[in-house]
């Protein structure tokens, strides 16, 4: 195991949340991602269910700011509406 470093992921569960207006702005999200990348983090974590108050908002804004074109890998989870019950 020597020489292996953990992979760091930046969580984007609040991107697109109406509760945090700063993260509904593509310009703000893009600026934040630039800062994250400067830290050497290129893995983003999201899900079809994020954020809680705007389902899919996180994935949509990551697409809008073209996060993958900025060198990020986007790791997501699948939302299966037919089995998800609120």
Protein backbone atom coordinates (compact mmCIF):
# COMPACT_ATOMS: atom_id res chain seq x y z
CA UNK A 1 0.00 0.00 0.00
CA UNK A 2 2.99 2.30 0.27
CA UNK A 3 2.90 5.15 -2.19
CA UNK A 4 -0.87 5.16 -2.66
CA UNK A 5 -2.68 8.37 -1.87
CA UNK A 6 -6.42 8.61 -1.37
CA UNK A 7 -8.44 10.15 -4.16
CA UNK A 8 -10.16 13.33 -3.01
CA UNK A 9 -13.62 14.17 -4.28
CA UNK A 10 -15.26 17.58 -4.06
CA UNK A 11 -18.93 17.25 -3.13
CA UNK A 12 -21.41 19.29 -5.15
CA UNK A 13 -24.63 18.39 -3.32
CA UNK A 14 -25.44 22.07 -2.74
CA UNK A 15 -24.85 23.20 -6.33
CA UNK A 16 -28.16 24.39 -7.74
CA UNK A 17 -29.80 24.65 -4.32
CA UNK A 18 -32.29 27.47 -3.91
CA UNK A 19 -31.30 27.55 -0.23
CA UNK A 20 -27.79 28.66 -1.23
CA UNK A 21 -28.27 31.23 -4.02
CA UNK A 22 -24.51 31.63 -4.50
CA UNK A 23 -24.38 28.11 -5.94
CA UNK A 24 -27.20 28.70 -8.44
CA UNK A 25 -24.97 31.13 -10.35
CA UNK A 26 -22.91 29.46 -13.09
CA UNK A 27 -20.24 32.16 -12.74
CA UNK A 28 -19.87 31.49 -9.00
CA UNK A 29 -19.80 27.73 -9.49
CA UNK A 30 -17.20 28.08 -12.24
CA UNK A 31 -15.02 30.26 -10.00
CA UNK A 32 -15.31 27.76 -7.16
CA UNK A 33 -14.37 24.88 -9.46
CA UNK A 34 -11.31 26.83 -10.61
CA UNK A 35 -10.23 27.14 -6.97
CA UNK A 36 -10.90 23.44 -6.35
CA UNK A 37 -8.80 22.50 -9.36
CA UNK A 38 -5.94 24.68 -8.11
CA UNK A 39 -5.92 22.45 -5.03
CA UNK A 40 -5.35 19.46 -7.28
CA UNK A 41 -8.85 18.03 -6.90
CA UNK A 42 -10.34 16.88 -10.20
CA UNK A 43 -13.04 14.46 -9.03
CA UNK A 44 -16.54 15.81 -8.43
CA UNK A 45 -19.28 13.95 -6.57
CA UNK A 46 -22.91 14.56 -7.45
CA UNK A 47 -26.18 12.68 -7.79
CA UNK A 48 -29.43 12.92 -9.70
CA UNK A 49 -31.08 13.58 -6.32
CA UNK A 50 -28.90 16.64 -5.48
CA UNK A 51 -29.72 19.15 -4.18
CA UNK A 52 -32.63 18.22 -1.94
CA UNK A 53 -34.67 21.26 -3.00
CA UNK A 54 -33.98 21.14 -6.75
CA UNK A 55 -33.61 17.54 -7.89
CA UNK A 56 -30.98 17.30 -10.62
CA UNK A 57 -29.81 20.88 -10.12
CA UNK A 58 -26.27 19.87 -9.26
CA UNK A 59 -25.83 17.83 -12.44
CA UNK A 60 -27.44 20.55 -14.57
CA UNK A 61 -25.17 23.32 -13.32
CA UNK A 62 -22.07 21.12 -13.70
CA UNK A 63 -23.10 20.64 -17.32
CA UNK A 64 -23.82 24.33 -17.78
CA UNK A 65 -20.34 25.33 -16.58
CA UNK A 66 -18.82 22.49 -18.66
CA UNK A 67 -17.03 21.00 -15.66
CA UNK A 68 -15.82 17.99 -17.65
CA UNK A 69 -14.23 20.30 -20.23
CA UNK A 70 -12.33 21.95 -17.38
CA UNK A 71 -10.68 18.61 -16.61
CA UNK A 72 -13.04 17.27 -13.94
CA UNK A 73 -14.36 13.73 -13.72
CA UNK A 74 -17.98 13.75 -12.63
CA UNK A 75 -19.04 10.87 -10.42
CA UNK A 76 -22.78 10.54 -9.97
CA UNK A 77 -25.41 8.18 -8.66
CA UNK A 78 -28.49 6.94 -10.44
CA UNK A 79 -31.94 7.96 -9.31
CA UNK A 80 -34.50 5.26 -9.96
CA UNK A 81 -37.81 7.10 -9.51
CA UNK A 82 -39.91 3.94 -9.66
CA UNK A 83 -38.30 2.64 -6.46
CA UNK A 84 -37.54 5.96 -4.73
CA UNK A 85 -40.34 6.92 -2.41
CA UNK A 86 -40.29 10.17 -0.43
